[in-house]
């Protein structure tokens, strides 16, 4: 049951978060907000991972929140790259391709989790 919930979070929540982070227009303000979001997520996730190393893997809240923040940073990086490409080429084809590739990219951590689970069995 928990793998099903994780699957839905990753394959539905990830692409939706990416879509929310890549608005229609690219602007300097949008880039700053996206950079701030990415930096906060990455810093928070890494702080939870390394600042609370004794709780990592032992406390579900610390571990889950750390993974979620690191994943949020990953989605932010994908959105930042997509926005940069869209700024260089503002056409509809670039918008579609970056949307598809960014949404697919948000699911990459699932395959890491699935591989780790398979190797641990």
PDB file of N, CA and C in Angstrom:
ATOM      1  N   UNK A   1       0.812  -1.193   0.000  1.00  0.00           N
ATOM      2  CA  UNK A   1       0.000   0.000   0.000  1.00  0.00           C
ATOM      3  C   UNK A   1       0.859   1.262   0.000  1.00  0.00           C
ATOM      4  N   UNK A   2       1.949   1.265   0.773  1.00  0.00           N
ATOM      5  CA  UNK A   2       2.800   2.456   0.830  1.00  0.00           C
ATOM      6  C   UNK A   2       3.490   2.709  -0.508  1.00  0.00           C
ATOM      7  N   UNK A   3       3.844   1.636  -1.237  1.00  0.00           N
ATOM      8  CA  UNK A   3       4.445   1.830  -2.554  1.00  0.00           C
ATOM      9  C   UNK A   3       3.442   2.427  -3.535  1.00  0.00           C
ATOM     10  N   UNK A   4       2.181   2.066  -3.408  1.00  0.00           N
ATOM     11  CA  UNK A   4       1.148   2.644  -4.264  1.00  0.00           C
ATOM     12  C   UNK A   4       0.999   4.140  -3.991  1.00  0.00           C
ATOM     13  N   UNK A   5       1.010   4.515  -2.735  1.00  0.00           N
ATOM     14  CA  UNK A   5       0.913   5.933  -2.376  1.00  0.00           C
ATOM     15  C   UNK A   5       2.125   6.694  -2.908  1.00  0.00           C
ATOM     16  N   UNK A   6       3.322   6.139  -2.724  1.00  0.00           N
ATOM     17  CA  UNK A   6       4.535   6.769  -3.258  1.00  0.00           C
ATOM     18  C   UNK A   6       4.479   6.874  -4.775  1.00  0.00           C
ATOM     19  N   UNK A   7       3.990   5.840  -5.421  1.00  0.00           N
ATOM     20  CA  UNK A   7       3.860   5.844  -6.879  1.00  0.00           C
ATOM     21  C   UNK A   7       2.953   6.988  -7.328  1.00  0.00           C
ATOM     22  N   UNK A   8       1.816   7.143  -6.675  1.00  0.00           N
ATOM     23  CA  UNK A   8       0.892   8.224  -7.040  1.00  0.00           C
ATOM     24  C   UNK A   8       1.491   9.599  -6.768  1.00  0.00           C
ATOM     25  N   UNK A   9       2.190   9.740  -5.652  1.00  0.00           N
ATOM     26  CA  UNK A   9       2.833  11.027  -5.345  1.00  0.00           C
ATOM     27  C   UNK A   9       3.844  11.372  -6.429  1.00  0.00           C
ATOM     28  N   UNK A  10       4.666  10.402  -6.802  1.00  0.00           N
ATOM     29  CA  UNK A  10       5.733  10.663  -7.768  1.00  0.00           C
ATOM     30  C   UNK A  10       5.192  10.872  -9.177  1.00  0.00           C
ATOM     31  N   UNK A  11       4.270  10.008  -9.625  1.00  0.00           N
ATOM     32  CA  UNK A  11       3.822  10.071 -11.010  1.00  0.00           C
ATOM     33  C   UNK A  11       2.672  11.037 -11.247  1.00  0.00           C
ATOM     34  N   UNK A  12       2.044  11.519 -10.204  1.00  0.00           N
ATOM     35  CA  UNK A  12       1.000  12.542 -10.356  1.00  0.00           C
ATOM     36  C   UNK A  12       1.481  13.857  -9.749  1.00  0.00           C
ATOM     37  N   UNK A  13       1.961  13.812  -8.530  1.00  0.00           N
ATOM     38  CA  UNK A  13       2.387  15.020  -7.841  1.00  0.00           C
ATOM     39  C   UNK A  13       3.598  15.682  -8.474  1.00  0.00           C
ATOM     40  N   UNK A  14       4.567  14.899  -8.908  1.00  0.00           N
ATOM     41  CA  UNK A  14       5.775  15.453  -9.517  1.00  0.00           C
ATOM     42  C   UNK A  14       5.497  16.260 -10.770  1.00  0.00           C
ATOM     43  N   UNK A  15       4.811  15.665 -11.758  1.00  0.00           N
ATOM     44  CA  UNK A  15       4.490  16.445 -12.958  1.00  0.00           C
ATOM     45  C   UNK A  15       3.594  17.660 -12.667  1.00  0.00           C
ATOM     46  N   UNK A  16       2.685  17.537 -11.714  1.00  0.00           N
ATOM     47  CA  UNK A  16       1.855  18.692 -11.368  1.00  0.00           C
ATOM     48  C   UNK A  16       2.685  19.801 -10.723  1.00  0.00           C
ATOM     49  N   UNK A  17       3.627  19.437  -9.879  1.00  0.00           N
ATOM     50  CA  UNK A  17       4.513  20.437  -9.266  1.00  0.00           C
ATOM     51  C   UNK A  17       5.373  21.100 -10.333  1.00  0.00           C
ATOM     52  N   UNK A  18       5.890  20.310 -11.266  1.00  0.00           N
ATOM     53  CA  UNK A  18       6.688  20.874 -12.360  1.00  0.00           C
ATOM     54  C   UNK A  18       5.853  21.856 -13.170  1.00  0.00           C
ATOM     55  N   UNK A  19       4.635  21.491 -13.461  1.00  0.00           N
ATOM     56  CA  UNK A  19       3.749  22.381 -14.234  1.00  0.00           C
ATOM     57  C   UNK A  19       3.469  23.673 -13.479  1.00  0.00           C
ATOM     58  N   UNK A  20       3.299  23.576 -12.176  1.00  0.00           N
ATOM     59  CA  UNK A  20       3.050  24.769 -11.361  1.00  0.00           C
ATOM     60  C   UNK A  20       4.274  25.684 -11.314  1.00  0.00           C
ATOM     61  N   UNK A  21       5.462  25.099 -11.398  1.00  0.00           N
ATOM     62  CA  UNK A  21       6.691  25.896 -11.332  1.00  0.00           C
ATOM     63  C   UNK A  21       7.100  26.488 -12.676  1.00  0.00           C
ATOM     64  N   UNK A  22       6.448  26.088 -13.752  1.00  0.00           N
ATOM     65  CA  UNK A  22       6.781  26.610 -15.078  1.00  0.00           C
ATOM     66  C   UNK A  22       5.578  27.353 -15.651  1.00  0.00           C
ATOM     67  N   UNK A  23       5.399  28.603 -15.240  1.00  0.00           N
ATOM     68  CA  UNK A  23       4.255  29.377 -15.734  1.00  0.00           C
ATOM     69  C   UNK A  23       4.421  29.725 -17.211  1.00  0.00           C
ATOM     70  N   UNK A  24       3.397  30.327 -17.779  1.00  0.00           N
ATOM     71  CA  UNK A  24       3.390  30.639 -19.205  1.00  0.00           C
ATOM     72  C   UNK A  24       4.508  31.555 -19.649  1.00  0.00           C
ATOM     73  N   UNK A  25       4.772  32.598 -18.919  1.00  0.00           N
ATOM     74  CA  UNK A  25       5.792  33.584 -19.309  1.00  0.00           C
ATOM     75  C   UNK A  25       7.071  33.393 -18.506  1.00  0.00           C
ATOM     76  N   UNK A  26       8.194  33.572 -19.179  1.00  0.00           N
ATOM     77  CA  UNK A  26       9.468  33.568 -18.476  1.00  0.00           C
ATOM     78  C   UNK A  26       9.893  35.013 -18.258  1.00  0.00           C
ATOM     79  N   UNK A  27      10.305  35.302 -17.055  1.00  0.00           N
ATOM     80  CA  UNK A  27      10.747  36.656 -16.725  1.00  0.00           C
ATOM     81  C   UNK A  27      11.865  36.551 -15.694  1.00  0.00           C
ATOM     82  N   UNK A  28      12.536  37.658 -15.488  1.00  0.00           N
ATOM     83  CA  UNK A  28      13.614  37.679 -14.496  1.00  0.00           C
ATOM     84  C   UNK A  28      13.064  37.397 -13.097  1.00  0.00           C
ATOM     85  N   UNK A  29      11.892  37.932 -12.802  1.00  0.00           N
ATOM     86  CA  UNK A  29      11.282  37.692 -11.486  1.00  0.00           C
ATOM     87  C   UNK A  29      10.932  36.217 -11.303  1.00  0.00           C
ATOM     88  N   UNK A  30      10.428  35.584 -12.365  1.00  0.00           N
ATOM     89  CA  UNK A  30      10.090  34.159 -12.295  1.00  0.00           C
ATOM     90  C   UNK A  30      11.351  33.325 -12.065  1.00  0.00           C
ATOM     91  N   UNK A  31      12.454  33.695 -12.720  1.00  0.00           N
ATOM     92  CA  UNK A  31      13.720  32.983 -12.518  1.00  0.00           C
ATOM     93  C   UNK A  31      14.207  33.136 -11.083  1.00  0.00           C
ATOM     94  N   UNK A  32      14.073  34.322 -10.527  1.00  0.00           N
ATOM     95  CA  UNK A  32      14.500  34.543  -9.135  1.00  0.00           C
ATOM     96  C   UNK A  32      13.657  33.716  -8.163  1.00  0.00           C
ATOM     97  N   UNK A  33      12.350  33.704  -8.369  1.00  0.00           N
ATOM     98  CA  UNK A  33      11.476  32.906  -7.495  1.00  0.00           C
ATOM     99  C   UNK A  33      11.814  31.423  -7.600  1.00  0.00           C
ATOM    100  N   UNK A  34      12.059  30.966  -8.806  1.00  0.00           N
ATOM    101  CA  UNK A  34      12.385  29.553  -9.016  1.00  0.00           C
ATOM    102  C   UNK A  34      13.738  29.206  -8.394  1.00  0.00           C
ATOM    103  N   UNK A  35      14.714  30.092  -8.539  1.00  0.00           N
ATOM    104  CA  UNK A  35      16.023  29.861  -7.919  1.00  0.00           C
ATOM    105  C   UNK A  35      15.903  29.846  -6.399  1.00  0.00           C
ATOM    106  N   UNK A  36      15.095  30.743  -5.841  1.00  0.00           N
ATOM    107  CA  UNK A  36      14.891  30.781  -4.392  1.00  0.00           C
ATOM    108  C   UNK A  36      14.208  29.500  -3.914  1.00  0.00           C
ATOM    109  N   UNK A  37      13.164  29.072  -4.602  1.00  0.00           N
ATOM    110  CA  UNK A  37      12.457  27.836  -4.254  1.00  0.00           C
ATOM    111  C   UNK A  37      13.410  26.645  -4.278  1.00  0.00           C
ATOM    112  N   UNK A  38      14.202  26.551  -5.345  1.00  0.00           N
ATOM    113  CA  UNK A  38      15.134  25.426  -5.489  1.00  0.00           C
ATOM    114  C   UNK A  38      16.184  25.438  -4.388  1.00  0.00           C
ATOM    115  N   UNK A  39      16.727  26.606  -4.106  1.00  0.00           N
ATOM    116  CA  UNK A  39      17.763  26.713  -3.066  1.00  0.00           C
ATOM    117  C   UNK A  39      17.207  26.373  -1.689  1.00  0.00           C
ATOM    118  N   UNK A  40      16.013  26.851  -1.381  1.00  0.00           N
ATOM    119  CA  UNK A  40      15.403  26.559  -0.075  1.00  0.00           C
ATOM    120  C   UNK A  40      15.116  25.068   0.066  1.00  0.00           C
ATOM    121  N   UNK A  41      14.555  24.464  -0.988  1.00  0.00           N
ATOM    122  CA  UNK A  41      14.265  23.021  -0.930  1.00  0.00           C
ATOM    123  C   UNK A  41      15.539  22.210  -0.757  1.00  0.00           C
ATOM    124  N   UNK A  42      16.545  22.506  -1.558  1.00  0.00           N
ATOM    125  CA  UNK A  42      17.795  21.745  -1.478  1.00  0.00           C
ATOM    126  C   UNK A  42      18.472  21.942  -0.123  1.00  0.00           C
ATOM    127  N   UNK A  43      18.538  23.178   0.342  1.00  0.00           N
ATOM    128  CA  UNK A  43      19.192  23.448   1.630  1.00  0.00           C
ATOM    129  C   UNK A  43      18.449  22.787   2.784  1.00  0.00           C
ATOM    130  N   UNK A  44      17.126  22.847   2.758  1.00  0.00           N
ATOM    131  CA  UNK A  44      16.335  22.220   3.824  1.00  0.00           C
ATOM    132  C   UNK A  44      16.502  20.703   3.796  1.00  0.00           C
ATOM    133  N   UNK A  45      16.427  20.124   2.607  1.00  0.00           N
ATOM    134  CA  UNK A  45      16.600  18.683   2.489  1.00  0.00           C
ATOM    135  C   UNK A  45      17.963  18.208   2.945  1.00  0.00           C
ATOM    136  N   UNK A  46      18.994  18.927   2.540  1.00  0.00           N
ATOM    137  CA  UNK A  46      20.350  18.535   2.939  1.00  0.00           C
ATOM    138  C   UNK A  46      20.593  18.787   4.422  1.00  0.00           C
ATOM    139  N   UNK A  47      19.972  19.820   4.977  1.00  0.00           N
ATOM    140  CA  UNK A  47      20.085  20.059   6.420  1.00  0.00           C
ATOM    141  C   UNK A  47      19.427  18.933   7.198  1.00  0.00           C
ATOM    142  N   UNK A  48      18.252  18.510   6.741  1.00  0.00           N
ATOM    143  CA  UNK A  48      17.588  17.390   7.419  1.00  0.00           C
ATOM    144  C   UNK A  48      18.414  16.117   7.290  1.00  0.00           C
ATOM    145  N   UNK A  49      19.045  15.923   6.138  1.00  0.00           N
ATOM    146  CA  UNK A  49      19.823  14.706   5.917  1.00  0.00           C
ATOM    147  C   UNK A  49      21.105  14.689   6.747  1.00  0.00           C
ATOM    148  N   UNK A  50      21.865  15.786   6.697  1.00  0.00           N
ATOM    149  CA  UNK A  50      23.168  15.781   7.348  1.00  0.00           C
ATOM    150  C   UNK A  50      23.179  16.459   8.710  1.00  0.00           C
ATOM    151  N   UNK A  51      22.256  17.366   8.945  1.00  0.00           N
ATOM    152  CA  UNK A  51      22.182  18.026  10.245  1.00  0.00           C
ATOM    153  C   UNK A  51      21.554  17.141  11.312  1.00  0.00           C
ATOM    154  N   UNK A  52      20.695  16.231  10.870  1.00  0.00           N
ATOM    155  CA  UNK A  52      20.028  15.303  11.781  1.00  0.00           C
ATOM    156  C   UNK A  52      20.379  13.874  11.390  1.00  0.00           C
ATOM    157  N   UNK A  53      21.663  13.637  11.145  1.00  0.00           N
ATOM    158  CA  UNK A  53      22.124  12.338  10.654  1.00  0.00           C
ATOM    159  C   UNK A  53      21.773  11.201  11.607  1.00  0.00           C
ATOM    160  N   UNK A  54      21.725  11.491  12.911  1.00  0.00           N
ATOM    161  CA  UNK A  54      21.397  10.442  13.871  1.00  0.00           C
ATOM    162  C   UNK A  54      19.929  10.026  13.781  1.00  0.00           C
ATOM    163  N   UNK A  55      19.063  10.899  13.263  1.00  0.00           N
ATOM    164  CA  UNK A  55      17.647  10.564  13.110  1.00  0.00           C
ATOM    165  C   UNK A  55      17.315  10.030  11.720  1.00  0.00           C
ATOM    166  N   UNK A  56      18.223  10.242  10.772  1.00  0.00           N
ATOM    167  CA  UNK A  56      17.957   9.828   9.390  1.00  0.00           C
ATOM    168  C   UNK A  56      17.811   8.313   9.314  1.00  0.00           C
ATOM    169  N   UNK A  57      16.724   7.867   8.777  1.00  0.00           N
ATOM    170  CA  UNK A  57      16.451   6.439   8.677  1.00  0.00           C
ATOM    171  C   UNK A  57      15.790   5.860   9.911  1.00  0.00           C
ATOM    172  N   UNK A  58      15.800   6.605  11.016  1.00  0.00           N
ATOM    173  CA  UNK A  58      15.182   6.155  12.255  1.00  0.00           C
ATOM    174  C   UNK A  58      13.855   6.859  12.503  1.00  0.00           C
ATOM    175  N   UNK A  59      13.769   8.113  12.103  1.00  0.00           N
ATOM    176  CA  UNK A  59      12.578   8.928  12.312  1.00  0.00           C
ATOM    177  C   UNK A  59      11.904   9.138  10.964  1.00  0.00           C
ATOM    178  N   UNK A  60      10.678   8.651  10.826  1.00  0.00           N
ATOM    179  CA  UNK A  60       9.962   8.716   9.555  1.00  0.00           C
ATOM    180  C   UNK A  60       9.720  10.157   9.108  1.00  0.00           C
ATOM    181  N   UNK A  61       9.411  11.043  10.044  1.00  0.00           N
ATOM    182  CA  UNK A  61       9.133  12.436   9.691  1.00  0.00           C
ATOM    183  C   UNK A  61      10.382  13.123   9.137  1.00  0.00           C
ATOM    184  N   UNK A  62      11.517  12.974   9.799  1.00  0.00           N
ATOM    185  CA  UNK A  62      12.758  13.606   9.338  1.00  0.00           C
ATOM    186  C   UNK A  62      13.171  13.029   7.984  1.00  0.00           C
ATOM    187  N   UNK A  63      13.133  11.721   7.868  1.00  0.00           N
ATOM    188  CA  UNK A  63      13.546  11.068   6.621  1.00  0.00           C
ATOM    189  C   UNK A  63      12.608  11.426   5.473  1.00  0.00           C
ATOM    190  N   UNK A  64      11.311  11.328   5.701  1.00  0.00           N
ATOM    191  CA  UNK A  64      10.339  11.639   4.655  1.00  0.00           C
ATOM    192  C   UNK A  64      10.382  13.089   4.224  1.00  0.00           C
ATOM    193  N   UNK A  65      10.479  13.998   5.195  1.00  0.00           N
ATOM    194  CA  UNK A  65      10.552  15.425   4.860  1.00  0.00           C
ATOM    195  C   UNK A  65      11.851  15.735   4.122  1.00  0.00           C
ATOM    196  N   UNK A  66      12.946  15.134   4.542  1.00  0.00           N
ATOM    197  CA  UNK A  66      14.225  15.359   3.861  1.00  0.00           C
ATOM    198  C   UNK A  66      14.182  14.906   2.413  1.00  0.00           C
ATOM    199  N   UNK A  67      13.642  13.729   2.186  1.00  0.00           N
ATOM    200  CA  UNK A  67      13.524  13.211   0.820  1.00  0.00           C
ATOM    201  C   UNK A  67      12.600  14.098  -0.002  1.00  0.00           C
ATOM    202  N   UNK A  68      11.485  14.535   0.582  1.00  0.00           N
ATOM    203  CA  UNK A  68      10.544  15.401  -0.136  1.00  0.00           C
ATOM    204  C   UNK A  68      11.195  16.736  -0.512  1.00  0.00           C
ATOM    205  N   UNK A  69      11.970  17.319   0.398  1.00  0.00           N
ATOM    206  CA  UNK A  69      12.628  18.595   0.085  1.00  0.00           C
ATOM    207  C   UNK A  69      13.719  18.416  -0.976  1.00  0.00           C
ATOM    208  N   UNK A  70      14.474  17.346  -0.900  1.00  0.00           N
ATOM    209  CA  UNK A  70      15.495  17.092  -1.917  1.00  0.00           C
ATOM    210  C   UNK A  70      14.827  16.882  -3.277  1.00  0.00           C
ATOM    211  N   UNK A  71      13.726  16.165  -3.295  1.00  0.00           N
ATOM    212  CA  UNK A  71      12.972  15.952  -4.536  1.00  0.00           C
ATOM    213  C   UNK A  71      12.413  17.275  -5.048  1.00  0.00           C
ATOM    214  N   UNK A  72      11.933  18.137  -4.141  1.00  0.00           N
ATOM    215  CA  UNK A  72      11.463  19.464  -4.544  1.00  0.00           C
ATOM    216  C   UNK A  72      12.579  20.276  -5.185  1.00  0.00           C
ATOM    217  N   UNK A  73      13.782  20.166  -4.647  1.00  0.00           N
ATOM    218  CA  UNK A  73      14.931  20.832  -5.257  1.00  0.00           C
ATOM    219  C   UNK A  73      15.213  20.295  -6.654  1.00  0.00           C
ATOM    220  N   UNK A  74      15.086  18.983  -6.811  1.00  0.00           N
ATOM    221  CA  UNK A  74      15.272  18.345  -8.122  1.00  0.00           C
ATOM    222  C   UNK A  74      14.237  18.872  -9.116  1.00  0.00           C
ATOM    223  N   UNK A  75      12.998  18.950  -8.708  1.00  0.00           N
ATOM    224  CA  UNK A  75      11.948  19.459  -9.594  1.00  0.00           C
ATOM    225  C   UNK A  75      12.220  20.929  -9.924  1.00  0.00           C
ATOM    226  N   UNK A  76      12.698  21.688  -8.946  1.00  0.00           N
ATOM    227  CA  UNK A  76      13.059  23.085  -9.195  1.00  0.00           C
ATOM    228  C   UNK A  76      14.167  23.224 -10.228  1.00  0.00           C
ATOM    229  N   UNK A  77      15.168  22.356 -10.158  1.00  0.00           N
ATOM    230  CA  UNK A  77      16.256  22.386 -11.141  1.00  0.00           C
ATOM    231  C   UNK A  77      15.715  22.077 -12.533  1.00  0.00           C
ATOM    232  N   UNK A  78      14.836  21.080 -12.625  1.00  0.00           N
ATOM    233  CA  UNK A  78      14.231  20.752 -13.921  1.00  0.00           C
ATOM    234  C   UNK A  78      13.418  21.931 -14.460  1.00  0.00           C
ATOM    235  N   UNK A  79      12.652  22.566 -13.593  1.00  0.00           N
ATOM    236  CA  UNK A  79      11.837  23.709 -14.013  1.00  0.00           C
ATOM    237  C   UNK A  79      12.720  24.873 -14.438  1.00  0.00           C
ATOM    238  N   UNK A  80      13.806  25.094 -13.723  1.00  0.00           N
ATOM    239  CA  UNK A  80      14.733  26.174 -14.064  1.00  0.00           C
ATOM    240  C   UNK A  80      15.330  25.928 -15.453  1.00  0.00           C
ATOM    241  N   UNK A  81      15.742  24.705 -15.707  1.00  0.00           N
ATOM    242  CA  UNK A  81      16.286  24.365 -17.028  1.00  0.00           C
ATOM    243  C   UNK A  81      15.256  24.529 -18.127  1.00  0.00           C
ATOM    244  N   UNK A  82      14.034  24.097 -17.857  1.00  0.00           N
ATOM    245  CA  UNK A  82      12.973  24.232 -18.849  1.00  0.00           C
ATOM    246  C   UNK A  82      12.696  25.706 -19.144  1.00  0.00           C
ATOM    247  N   UNK A  83      12.656  26.523 -18.119  1.00  0.00           N
ATOM    248  CA  UNK A  83      12.412  27.951 -18.312  1.00  0.00           C
ATOM    249  C   UNK A  83      13.562  28.592 -19.091  1.00  0.00           C
ATOM    250  N   UNK A  84      14.791  28.177 -18.832  1.00  0.00           N
ATOM    251  CA  UNK A  84      15.933  28.726 -19.570  1.00  0.00           C
ATOM    252  C   UNK A  84      15.839  28.366 -21.052  1.00  0.00           C
ATOM    253  N   UNK A  85      15.480  27.118 -21.342  1.00  0.00           N
ATOM    254  CA  UNK A  85      15.316  26.709 -22.742  1.00  0.00           C
ATOM    255  C   UNK A  85      14.166  27.460 -23.397  1.00  0.00           C
ATOM    256  N   UNK A  86      13.093  27.639 -22.683  1.00  0.00           N
ATOM    257  CA  UNK A  86      11.945  28.370 -23.228  1.00  0.00           C
ATOM    258  C   UNK A  86      12.269  29.836 -23.472  1.00  0.00           C
ATOM    259  N   UNK A  87      13.156  30.376 -22.666  1.00  0.00           N
ATOM    260  CA  UNK A  87      13.545  31.774 -22.857  1.00  0.00           C
ATOM    261  C   UNK A  87      14.397  31.929 -24.120  1.00  0.00           C
ATOM    262  N   UNK A  88      15.238  30.914 -24.397  1.00  0.00           N
ATOM    263  CA  UNK A  88      16.064  30.962 -25.608  1.00  0.00           C
ATOM    264  C   UNK A  88      15.226  30.747 -26.859  1.00  0.00           C
ATOM    265  N   UNK A  89      14.231  29.872 -26.767  1.00  0.00           N
ATOM    266  CA  UNK A  89      13.377  29.546 -27.913  1.00  0.00           C
ATOM    267  C   UNK A  89      11.921  29.576 -27.437  1.00  0.00           C
ATOM    268  N   UNK A  90      11.229  30.697 -27.625  1.00  0.00           N
ATOM    269  CA  UNK A  90       9.890  30.848 -27.051  1.00  0.00           C
ATOM    270  C   UNK A  90       8.756  30.154 -27.820  1.00  0.00           C
ATOM    271  N   UNK A  91       9.075  29.360 -28.817  1.00  0.00           N
ATOM    272  CA  UNK A  91       8.041  28.720 -29.626  1.00  0.00           C
ATOM    273  C   UNK A  91       7.255  27.656 -28.873  1.00  0.00           C
ATOM    274  N   UNK A  92       6.126  27.282 -29.470  1.00  0.00           N
ATOM    275  CA  UNK A  92       5.220  26.302 -28.855  1.00  0.00           C
ATOM    276  C   UNK A  92       5.854  24.908 -28.807  1.00  0.00           C
ATOM    277  N   UNK A  93       6.654  24.567 -29.817  1.00  0.00           N
ATOM    278  CA  UNK A  93       7.293  23.240 -29.814  1.00  0.00           C
ATOM    279  C   UNK A  93       8.254  23.096 -28.643  1.00  0.00           C
ATOM    280  N   UNK A  94       9.028  24.150 -28.356  1.00  0.00           N
ATOM    281  CA  UNK A  94       9.945  24.105 -27.213  1.00  0.00           C
ATOM    282  C   UNK A  94       9.147  24.001 -25.917  1.00  0.00           C
ATOM    283  N   UNK A  95       8.058  24.723 -25.837  1.00  0.00           N
ATOM    284  CA  UNK A  95       7.212  24.680 -24.647  1.00  0.00           C
ATOM    285  C   UNK A  95       6.671  23.275 -24.415  1.00  0.00           C
ATOM    286  N   UNK A  96       6.214  22.651 -25.466  1.00  0.00           N
ATOM    287  CA  UNK A  96       5.672  21.278 -25.345  1.00  0.00           C
ATOM    288  C   UNK A  96       6.757  20.283 -24.949  1.00  0.00           C
ATOM    289  N   UNK A  97       7.902  20.323 -25.641  1.00  0.00           N
ATOM    290  CA  UNK A  97       8.964  19.359 -25.362  1.00  0.00           C
ATOM    291  C   UNK A  97       9.554  19.534 -23.977  1.00  0.00           C
ATOM    292  N   UNK A  98       9.752  20.769 -23.552  1.00  0.00           N
ATOM    293  CA  UNK A  98      10.284  20.959 -22.206  1.00  0.00           C
ATOM    294  C   UNK A  98       9.257  20.540 -21.157  1.00  0.00           C
ATOM    295  N   UNK A  99       7.980  20.723 -21.466  1.00  0.00           N
ATOM    296  CA  UNK A  99       6.932  20.273 -20.549  1.00  0.00           C
ATOM    297  C   UNK A  99       6.918  18.763 -20.400  1.00  0.00           C
ATOM    298  N   UNK A 100       7.019  18.073 -21.521  1.00  0.00           N
ATOM    299  CA  UNK A 100       7.025  16.604 -21.495  1.00  0.00           C
ATOM    300  C   UNK A 100       8.282  16.070 -20.816  1.00  0.00           C
ATOM    301  N   UNK A 101       9.427  16.570 -21.236  1.00  0.00           N
ATOM    302  CA  UNK A 101      10.677  16.056 -20.677  1.00  0.00           C
ATOM    303  C   UNK A 101      10.828  16.409 -19.190  1.00  0.00           C
ATOM    304  N   UNK A 102      10.380  17.593 -18.800  1.00  0.00           N
ATOM    305  CA  UNK A 102      10.432  17.971 -17.395  1.00  0.00           C
ATOM    306  C   UNK A 102       9.515  17.105 -16.545  1.00  0.00           C
ATOM    307  N   UNK A 103       8.319  16.841 -17.061  1.00  0.00           N
ATOM    308  CA  UNK A 103       7.383  15.990 -16.317  1.00  0.00           C
ATOM    309  C   UNK A 103       7.917  14.571 -16.165  1.00  0.00           C
ATOM    310  N   UNK A 104       8.511  14.055 -17.215  1.00  0.00           N
ATOM    311  CA  UNK A 104       9.112  12.715 -17.144  1.00  0.00           C
ATOM    312  C   UNK A 104      10.304  12.734 -16.181  1.00  0.00           C
ATOM    313  N   UNK A 105      11.080  13.803 -16.203  1.00  0.00           N
ATOM    314  CA  UNK A 105      12.248  13.911 -15.335  1.00  0.00           C
ATOM    315  C   UNK A 105      11.904  13.914 -13.859  1.00  0.00           C
ATOM    316  N   UNK A 106      10.711  14.396 -13.503  1.00  0.00           N
ATOM    317  CA  UNK A 106      10.330  14.407 -12.088  1.00  0.00           C
ATOM    318  C   UNK A 106      10.140  13.005 -11.533  1.00  0.00           C
ATOM    319  N   UNK A 107       9.938  12.031 -12.406  1.00  0.00           N
ATOM    320  CA  UNK A 107       9.687  10.659 -11.953  1.00  0.00           C
ATOM    321  C   UNK A 107      10.965   9.839 -11.800  1.00  0.00           C
ATOM    322  N   UNK A 108      12.110  10.389 -12.187  1.00  0.00           N
ATOM    323  CA  UNK A 108      13.375   9.648 -12.119  1.00  0.00           C
ATOM    324  C   UNK A 108      13.651   9.084 -10.721  1.00  0.00           C
ATOM    325  N   UNK A 109      13.388   9.831  -9.625  1.00  0.00           N
ATOM    326  CA  UNK A 109      13.651   9.251  -8.299  1.00  0.00           C
ATOM    327  C   UNK A 109      12.873   7.965  -8.022  1.00  0.00           C
ATOM    328  N   UNK A 110      11.725   7.786  -8.639  1.00  0.00           N
ATOM    329  CA  UNK A 110      10.957   6.552  -8.433  1.00  0.00           C
ATOM    330  C   UNK A 110      11.781   5.343  -8.848  1.00  0.00           C
ATOM    331  N   UNK A 111      12.470   5.468  -9.964  1.00  0.00           N
ATOM    332  CA  UNK A 111      13.256   4.341 -10.456  1.00  0.00           C
ATOM    333  C   UNK A 111      14.435   4.038  -9.534  1.00  0.00           C
ATOM    334  N   UNK A 112      14.968   5.064  -8.891  1.00  0.00           N
ATOM    335  CA  UNK A 112      15.994   4.846  -7.877  1.00  0.00           C
ATOM    336  C   UNK A 112      15.448   4.097  -6.677  1.00  0.00           C
ATOM    337  N   UNK A 113      14.264   4.506  -6.220  1.00  0.00           N
ATOM    338  CA  UNK A 113      13.620   3.815  -5.093  1.00  0.00           C
ATOM    339  C   UNK A 113      13.283   2.372  -5.458  1.00  0.00           C
ATOM    340  N   UNK A 114      12.746   2.177  -6.656  1.00  0.00           N
ATOM    341  CA  UNK A 114      12.382   0.821  -7.093  1.00  0.00           C
ATOM    342  C   UNK A 114      13.621  -0.059  -7.218  1.00  0.00           C
ATOM    343  N   UNK A 115      14.700   0.489  -7.753  1.00  0.00           N
ATOM    344  CA  UNK A 115      15.945  -0.275  -7.879  1.00  0.00           C
ATOM    345  C   UNK A 115      16.512  -0.634  -6.520  1.00  0.00           C
ATOM    346  N   UNK A 116      16.508   0.315  -5.607  1.00  0.00           N
ATOM    347  CA  UNK A 116      17.016   0.045  -4.252  1.00  0.00           C
ATOM    348  C   UNK A 116      16.176  -1.014  -3.569  1.00  0.00           C
ATOM    349  N   UNK A 117      14.869  -0.937  -3.739  1.00  0.00           N
ATOM    350  CA  UNK A 117      13.972  -1.922  -3.144  1.00  0.00           C
ATOM    351  C   UNK A 117      14.219  -3.302  -3.728  1.00  0.00           C
ATOM    352  N   UNK A 118      14.450  -3.366  -5.028  1.00  0.00           N
ATOM    353  CA  UNK A 118      14.710  -4.633  -5.699  1.00  0.00           C
ATOM    354  C   UNK A 118      16.030  -5.246  -5.223  1.00  0.00           C
ATOM    355  N   UNK A 119      17.042  -4.417  -5.040  1.00  0.00           N
ATOM    356  CA  UNK A 119      18.342  -4.924  -4.593  1.00  0.00           C
ATOM    357  C   UNK A 119      18.338  -5.324  -3.122  1.00  0.00           C
ATOM    358  N   UNK A 120      17.483  -4.687  -2.325  1.00  0.00           N
ATOM    359  CA  UNK A 120      17.422  -4.999  -0.892  1.00  0.00           C
ATOM    360  C   UNK A 120      16.686  -6.320  -0.647  1.00  0.00           C
ATOM    361  N   UNK A 121      15.880  -6.744  -1.590  1.00  0.00           N
ATOM    362  CA  UNK A 121      15.094  -7.981  -1.386  1.00  0.00           C
ATOM    363  C   UNK A 121      15.934  -9.213  -1.496  1.00  0.00           C
TER     364      UNK A 121
END
